[in-house]
Amino acid sequence: MNYLQLTEQESEYIQTHLDEGVVTITMNKPKKLNGWTSEMMAAFRSAFEKAKADDGCKVVIFTGTGNYYCAGVNLGGTLKLMAPKKLHTLIIKNNEALFDLFLTFPKPILVAVNGPAIGASVTSATLCDGIIASETATFSTPFAALGITPEGCSSIQFARLMGEENAKRMLFSEGWRPNAQEALEVGLIQHVAPAETLQQQAQAIAVQWVKENRKRSFLGGSKLTELQAVNARESIELANCFLSGPFLKGQAKFLWSKKKHVPAMMFFLLWVLRPLWRLFL
């Protein structure tokens, strides 16, 4: 399925098809849990850009294949060893651009969460027009456990959708991971469906949006300019955390435990040499 005529390389990560004015953009790396590597993000960015320009596309469904919706951003596959100041700038730029992709897309987006969703895949979903989830879905934003600050406008958007207390439960030390029904009850998502009918129900909702000539909007009554300002602020805060000692050491240990020795060594070197290079930030 390649309705949007993605390149051969992009099609290794993303499938697209059109039905009744609805373009479905599907992450298709189930063995990698649809993790957001640089290649995956480049592929779905291309798909969204082409959907934006396509007159046949009135609404987008964003979803995944396999048991997971998305395991989040693969830090080992996105961060590269480089001059600290350049890396700091690059983290800000890339993080802001990732969420700006969802914020500035001009057509309605329905996210169909087909399984567990982690990190940026959760926060980006809350920047779309609606979320429908499979009964097998869970929602995790383990920022506190990673030693980083909230991203994807979650510092304000989570509270607007599900209240201050539930937002704190997800974003901070408790690390609450609601299942689909719990997420529905607190207001994080708007629909739940059996796994076997998720795509059909998502299509039905999206087709109804087409019939209504629905325009782009944000959950919780948020406004674009405000969310963009929050995204910019959070991106700076996140870059600062990514280059902090505790985060670098923690990532090195985590990646080594997963036998990902090359990226683990990158984080280890950054941590060991931090007393020197932090002077040049």
Protein backbone atom coordinates (compact mmCIF):
# COMPACT_ATOMS: atom_id res chain seq x y z
CA MET A 1 0.00 0.00 0.00
CA ASN A 2 1.70 3.16 -1.20
CA TYR A 3 -1.02 5.66 -2.14
CA LEU A 4 1.18 8.67 -1.38
CA GLN A 5 3.99 7.38 -3.61
CA LEU A 6 6.66 7.28 -0.95
CA THR A 7 10.18 6.33 -1.93
CA GLU A 8 11.28 2.71 -1.73
CA GLN A 9 13.20 3.41 1.48
CA GLU A 10 10.28 5.29 3.07
CA SER A 11 7.94 2.45 2.14
CA GLU A 12 10.01 0.09 4.28
CA TYR A 13 8.70 2.02 7.28
CA ILE A 14 5.33 3.44 6.25
CA GLN A 15 2.29 2.20 4.34
CA THR A 16 -0.43 4.54 3.02
CA HIS A 17 -3.81 4.06 1.41
CA LEU A 18 -6.86 6.18 0.53
CA ASP A 19 -10.50 5.27 1.17
CA GLU A 20 -13.44 7.71 1.01
CA GLY A 21 -11.26 10.77 1.47
CA VAL A 22 -9.36 9.24 4.40
CA VAL A 23 -5.63 8.59 4.06
CA THR A 24 -4.35 5.99 6.53
CA ILE A 25 -0.66 6.35 7.38
CA THR A 26 0.56 3.14 9.00
CA MET A 27 3.87 2.58 10.77
CA ASN A 28 5.10 -0.79 9.55
CA LYS A 29 8.08 -1.96 11.60
CA PRO A 30 6.29 -4.33 14.00
CA LYS A 31 9.44 -6.32 14.86
CA LYS A 32 10.97 -3.04 16.08
CA LEU A 33 7.70 -2.11 17.86
CA ASN A 34 7.32 0.77 15.39
CA GLY A 35 9.99 2.68 17.32
CA TRP A 36 10.76 6.19 16.11
CA THR A 37 14.23 5.95 14.63
CA SER A 38 15.52 8.74 12.40
CA GLU A 39 14.41 6.70 9.39
CA MET A 40 10.91 6.09 10.73
CA MET A 41 10.39 9.75 11.58
CA ALA A 42 11.68 10.86 8.17
CA ALA A 43 9.28 8.42 6.49
CA PHE A 44 6.14 9.52 8.31
CA ARG A 45 7.15 13.17 7.94
CA SER A 46 7.27 12.62 4.18
CA ALA A 47 3.87 10.90 4.29
CA PHE A 48 2.29 13.77 6.20
CA GLU A 49 3.79 16.34 3.83
CA LYS A 50 2.37 14.51 0.81
CA ALA A 51 -1.00 14.04 2.50
CA LYS A 52 -1.10 17.77 3.19
CA ALA A 53 -0.66 18.52 -0.52
CA ASP A 54 -3.03 15.78 -1.75
CA ASP A 55 -6.48 17.07 -2.70
CA GLY A 56 -7.99 13.60 -2.26
CA CYS A 57 -6.99 13.55 1.40
CA LYS A 58 -9.53 15.17 3.71
CA VAL A 59 -8.66 13.35 6.98
CA VAL A 60 -5.66 11.32 8.14
CA ILE A 61 -5.64 8.22 10.32
CA PHE A 62 -2.24 7.56 11.94
CA THR A 63 -1.74 4.02 13.23
CA GLY A 64 0.65 1.07 13.46
CA THR A 65 0.95 -2.60 12.61
CA GLY A 66 1.64 -5.45 15.02
CA ASN A 67 1.14 -5.65 18.75
CA TYR A 68 2.56 -2.18 19.54
CA TYR A 69 1.47 1.22 18.38
CA CYS A 70 4.92 2.66 19.06
CA ALA A 71 7.75 2.10 21.54
CA GLY A 72 8.66 5.78 21.42
CA VAL A 73 11.77 7.56 20.17
CA ASN A 74 14.81 5.30 19.85
CA LEU A 75 17.42 7.54 21.45
CA GLY A 76 20.32 5.25 20.57
CA GLY A 77 19.26 5.46 16.95
CA THR A 78 18.71 9.21 16.83
CA LEU A 79 21.44 10.83 18.95
CA LYS A 80 24.93 10.94 17.44
CA LEU A 81 28.28 11.81 18.97
CA MET A 82 29.22 15.39 18.05
CA ALA A 83 30.33 18.68 19.59
CA PRO A 84 28.17 19.25 22.70
CA LYS A 85 26.93 22.70 21.70
CA LYS A 86 25.98 21.38 18.26
CA LEU A 87 24.24 18.38 19.84
CA HIS A 88 22.33 20.62 22.24
CA THR A 89 21.14 22.77 19.33
CA LEU A 90 20.24 19.70 17.26
CA ILE A 91 18.15 18.18 20.07
CA ILE A 92 16.16 21.40 20.39
CA LYS A 93 15.64 21.65 16.63
CA ASN A 94 14.66 18.00 16.12
CA ASN A 95 12.33 17.79 19.11
CA GLU A 96 10.53 21.00 18.22
CA ALA A 97 10.20 19.92 14.56
CA LEU A 98 8.83 16.49 15.50
CA PHE A 99 5.84 17.88 17.40
CA ASP A 100 5.44 20.85 15.09
CA LEU A 101 4.70 18.30 12.36
CA PHE A 102 1.53 17.30 14.20
CA LEU A 103 0.69 20.82 15.36
CA THR A 104 0.83 22.46 11.94
CA PHE A 105 -0.76 19.71 9.83
CA PRO A 106 -3.81 21.47 8.35
CA LYS A 107 -6.22 18.51 8.09
CA PRO A 108 -7.90 16.54 10.90
CA ILE A 109 -5.84 13.65 12.33
CA LEU A 110 -7.34 10.64 14.08
CA VAL A 111 -4.80 8.49 15.92
CA ALA A 112 -5.70 4.78 16.07
CA VAL A 113 -3.60 3.28 18.86
CA ASN A 114 -3.36 -0.44 18.10
CA GLY A 115 -1.33 -1.42 21.18
CA PRO A 116 1.02 -0.03 23.83
CA ALA A 117 2.16 3.54 23.18
CA ILE A 118 5.21 5.06 24.84
CA GLY A 119 6.70 8.53 25.19
CA ALA A 120 6.50 10.83 22.18
CA SER A 121 3.95 8.59 20.48
CA VAL A 122 1.56 9.35 23.36
CA THR A 123 2.22 13.07 23.62
CA SER A 124 2.02 13.62 19.85
CA ALA A 125 -1.35 11.85 19.79
CA THR A 126 -2.77 14.42 22.19
CA LEU A 127 -1.87 17.13 19.65
CA CYS A 128 -4.20 15.58 17.08
CA ASP A 129 -7.99 15.86 16.71
CA GLY A 130 -8.94 12.58 18.35
CA ILE A 131 -7.66 9.24 19.66
CA ILE A 132 -9.27 5.82 19.35
CA ALA A 133 -7.50 2.93 21.06
CA SER A 134 -7.59 -0.83 20.95
CA GLU A 135 -8.55 -2.60 24.18
CA THR A 136 -4.95 -3.86 24.22
CA ALA A 137 -3.49 -0.35 24.34
CA THR A 138 -1.62 1.20 27.24
CA PHE A 139 -0.20 4.71 27.53
CA SER A 140 3.19 5.35 29.10
CA THR A 141 5.21 8.55 29.47
CA PRO A 142 8.22 7.48 31.58
CA PHE A 143 9.92 10.87 31.62
CA ALA A 144 10.66 10.90 35.34
CA ALA A 145 12.19 7.40 35.20
CA LEU A 146 14.45 8.56 32.35
CA GLY A 147 15.43 11.73 34.19
CA ILE A 148 13.99 14.06 31.55
CA THR A 149 11.30 16.73 31.42
CA PRO A 150 7.87 16.42 29.72
CA GLU A 151 7.72 16.96 25.96
CA GLY A 152 5.11 17.17 23.20
CA CYS A 153 3.26 19.94 25.08
CA SER A 154 2.33 17.38 27.75
CA SER A 155 3.28 19.85 30.49
CA ILE A 156 -0.03 21.62 29.77
CA GLN A 157 -2.00 19.33 27.45
CA PHE A 158 -2.24 16.35 29.81
CA ALA A 159 -3.80 18.42 32.58
CA ARG A 160 -6.32 19.92 30.17
CA LEU A 161 -7.42 16.50 28.99
CA MET A 162 -7.50 14.55 32.25
CA GLY A 163 -6.97 16.95 35.16
CA GLU A 164 -3.92 17.93 37.18
CA GLU A 165 -3.78 14.84 39.39
CA ASN A 166 -3.95 12.31 36.58
CA ALA A 167 -1.43 14.33 34.57
CA LYS A 168 1.01 14.25 37.49
CA ARG A 169 0.48 10.50 37.88
CA MET A 170 1.57 9.92 34.28
CA LEU A 171 4.32 12.52 33.98
CA PHE A 172 6.11 12.26 37.30
CA SER A 173 7.44 9.68 39.75
CA GLU A 174 4.41 7.35 39.88
CA GLY A 175 4.72 6.67 36.16
CA TRP A 176 1.08 5.64 35.88
CA ARG A 177 0.40 3.69 32.70
CA PRO A 178 -3.36 3.68 32.06
CA ASN A 179 -4.92 1.01 29.90
CA ALA A 180 -7.40 1.94 27.19
CA GLN A 181 -10.46 1.89 29.42
CA GLU A 182 -8.74 3.94 32.13
CA ALA A 183 -7.49 6.41 29.52
CA LEU A 184 -11.05 6.77 28.24
CA GLU A 185 -12.46 7.32 31.72
CA VAL A 186 -9.99 10.09 32.60
CA GLY A 187 -10.28 11.83 29.21
CA LEU A 188 -6.90 11.09 27.65
CA ILE A 189 -8.60 9.35 24.69
CA GLN A 190 -12.10 9.53 23.19
CA HIS A 191 -12.90 6.03 21.91
CA VAL A 192 -12.08 2.37 22.69
CA ALA A 193 -12.56 -0.54 20.28
CA PRO A 194 -11.85 -4.28 20.22
CA ALA A 195 -8.49 -4.96 18.58
CA GLU A 196 -10.10 -6.79 15.68
CA THR A 197 -12.36 -3.87 14.76
CA LEU A 198 -10.10 -0.91 15.60
CA GLN A 199 -9.29 0.02 12.02
CA GLN A 200 -12.92 -0.31 10.87
CA GLN A 201 -14.16 1.89 13.70
CA ALA A 202 -11.40 4.43 13.09
CA GLN A 203 -12.35 4.53 9.41
CA ALA A 204 -16.01 5.08 10.30
CA ILE A 205 -15.14 8.03 12.56
CA ALA A 206 -12.83 9.54 9.94
CA VAL A 207 -15.41 9.17 7.15
CA GLN A 208 -17.95 10.94 9.35
CA TRP A 209 -15.44 13.77 9.77
CA VAL A 210 -15.12 13.97 5.99
CA LYS A 211 -18.92 14.18 5.62
CA GLU A 212 -19.05 16.93 8.26
CA ASN A 213 -16.25 18.82 6.48
CA ARG A 214 -14.50 18.90 9.82
CA LYS A 215 -11.70 21.42 10.25
CA ARG A 216 -8.48 21.00 12.19
CA SER A 217 -8.81 21.54 15.95
CA PHE A 218 -6.98 20.68 19.16
CA LEU A 219 -8.14 18.62 22.10
CA GLY A 220 -8.78 20.43 25.36
CA GLY A 221 -9.57 23.68 23.60
CA SER A 222 -5.87 24.43 23.10
CA LYS A 223 -4.71 26.92 20.48
CA LEU A 224 -1.94 26.48 17.93
CA THR A 225 0.18 29.50 18.88
CA GLU A 226 0.12 28.58 22.55
CA LEU A 227 1.06 24.95 21.88
CA GLN A 228 3.93 26.02 19.61
CA ALA A 229 5.30 28.26 22.35
CA VAL A 230 5.07 25.41 24.87
CA ASN A 231 6.77 23.06 22.40
CA ALA A 232 9.65 25.51 21.96
CA ARG A 233 10.10 25.88 25.72
CA GLU A 234 9.90 22.16 26.40
CA SER A 235 12.44 21.44 23.65
CA ILE A 236 15.05 23.63 25.36
CA GLU A 237 14.34 22.03 28.73
CA LEU A 238 14.61 18.57 27.19
CA ALA A 239 17.94 19.34 25.53
CA ASN A 240 19.30 20.50 28.88
CA CYS A 241 18.21 17.21 30.47
CA PHE A 242 19.61 15.07 27.67
CA LEU A 243 23.06 16.53 28.33
CA SER A 244 22.87 16.20 32.11
CA GLY A 245 25.14 13.74 33.96
CA PRO A 246 22.39 11.51 35.44
CA PHE A 247 20.66 11.07 32.09
CA LEU A 248 23.85 10.23 30.18
CA LYS A 249 24.95 7.70 32.79
CA GLY A 250 21.48 6.16 32.97
CA GLN A 251 21.24 5.77 29.21
CA ALA A 252 24.69 4.17 29.05
CA LYS A 253 23.71 1.57 31.64
CA PHE A 254 20.32 0.92 30.04
CA LEU A 255 21.69 0.45 26.52
CA TRP A 256 24.53 -1.76 27.76
CA SER A 257 21.99 -3.98 29.56
CA LYS A 258 20.19 -4.34 26.21
CA LYS A 259 23.49 -5.36 24.56
CA LYS A 260 23.45 -2.21 22.44
CA HIS A 261 27.12 -1.63 23.08
CA VAL A 262 27.97 0.99 20.46
CA PRO A 263 25.31 3.56 21.48
CA ALA A 264 25.99 2.68 25.14
CA MET A 265 29.64 3.63 24.68
CA MET A 266 28.61 6.92 23.07
CA PHE A 267 26.56 7.88 26.13
CA PHE A 268 29.32 6.62 28.45
CA LEU A 269 31.93 8.81 26.73
CA LEU A 270 29.64 11.81 26.90
CA TRP A 271 29.14 11.20 30.61
CA VAL A 272 32.86 10.70 31.40
CA LEU A 273 33.92 13.77 29.43
CA ARG A 274 31.06 15.96 30.60
CA PRO A 275 33.16 17.99 33.12
CA LEU A 276 35.18 19.22 30.14
CA TRP A 277 32.65 19.77 27.40
CA ARG A 278 29.88 21.27 29.55
CA LEU A 279 32.03 24.42 29.77
CA PHE A 280 31.44 24.97 26.06
CA LEU A 281 27.65 24.73 26.06
